[in-house]
Every structure is written in C-alpha cells, then in structure tokens.
Protein backbone atom coordinates (compact mmCIF):
# COMPACT_ATOMS: atom_id res chain seq x y z
CA MET A 1 -176.00 -7.53 -84.44
CA SER A 2 -177.37 -4.12 -83.56
CA ASN A 3 -175.29 -0.97 -83.23
CA LYS A 4 -176.01 -0.81 -79.51
CA THR A 5 -174.56 -4.28 -79.00
CA ARG A 6 -171.49 -3.37 -81.05
CA SER A 7 -170.96 -0.24 -78.99
CA ILE A 8 -171.25 -2.18 -75.74
CA LEU A 9 -168.73 -4.80 -76.92
CA LYS A 10 -166.30 -2.08 -78.00
CA ALA A 11 -166.66 -0.30 -74.66
CA ILE A 12 -165.99 -3.54 -72.78
CA ALA A 13 -162.89 -4.13 -74.92
CA VAL A 14 -161.57 -0.65 -74.19
CA ILE A 15 -162.19 -1.07 -70.46
CA LEU A 16 -160.37 -4.41 -70.45
CA VAL A 17 -157.33 -2.96 -72.23
CA LEU A 18 -157.27 0.05 -69.91
CA LEU A 19 -157.39 -2.29 -66.93
CA ALA A 20 -154.48 -4.31 -68.30
CA VAL A 21 -152.42 -1.18 -68.97
CA LEU A 22 -153.12 0.27 -65.53
CA MET A 23 -152.13 -3.04 -63.95
CA HIS A 24 -148.91 -3.04 -65.96
CA ILE A 25 -148.07 0.52 -64.89
CA GLY A 26 -148.81 -0.37 -61.30
CA TRP A 27 -151.68 2.01 -60.61
CA VAL A 28 -154.18 -0.83 -60.16
CA ALA A 29 -153.30 -3.98 -58.26
CA ILE A 30 -155.63 -6.95 -58.59
CA PRO A 31 -153.49 -9.95 -57.56
CA VAL A 32 -155.96 -12.56 -58.79
CA ILE A 33 -155.87 -11.47 -62.45
CA THR A 34 -152.33 -10.07 -62.65
CA VAL A 35 -151.15 -13.33 -64.20
CA TYR A 36 -153.79 -13.08 -66.93
CA LYS A 37 -152.98 -9.59 -68.29
CA PHE A 38 -152.01 -11.00 -71.69
CA TRP A 39 -155.21 -13.01 -71.99
CA ILE A 40 -157.31 -10.01 -70.99
CA VAL A 41 -155.86 -8.10 -73.94
CA VAL A 42 -156.43 -11.10 -76.25
CA ILE A 43 -160.08 -11.29 -75.16
CA ALA A 44 -160.46 -7.54 -75.76
CA PHE A 45 -159.02 -7.92 -79.26
CA GLY A 46 -161.43 -10.79 -79.91
CA LEU A 47 -164.36 -8.63 -78.79
CA LEU A 48 -163.26 -5.92 -81.21
CA LEU A 49 -163.08 -8.47 -84.04
CA ILE A 50 -166.54 -9.75 -83.21
CA SER A 51 -168.01 -6.25 -83.06
CA SER A 52 -166.47 -5.07 -86.34
CA LYS A 53 -168.54 -5.23 -89.49
C-alpha cells in the first residue's frame, strides 16, 4: 500500500470521527445516520488499523 493511499485512508478516518463528534455535540444534524454514530467511529478505527504499518 502506497503512502498516498495510507494518507487518504487516515484523512477519511479523521473526517468520519469529526462528523460523529459534531453530530454528538449537536452542531451537525443528519437524521439518517444519527443512529449509526457508534459504527461510524468503529469504521474509522478500522480504517486506521488498515492504514497503519
């Protein structure tokens, strides 16, 4: 896996976690995925595990 791919996966993971945190705080309201906040964070953690060396 190239460094560019790793960087993209890490950036996606950070964006997913930020989205979950902002939804928890109440600054962002996306009713469709509000129920899946926990799973969004789990997917982000999985992406970080995949992108680590």
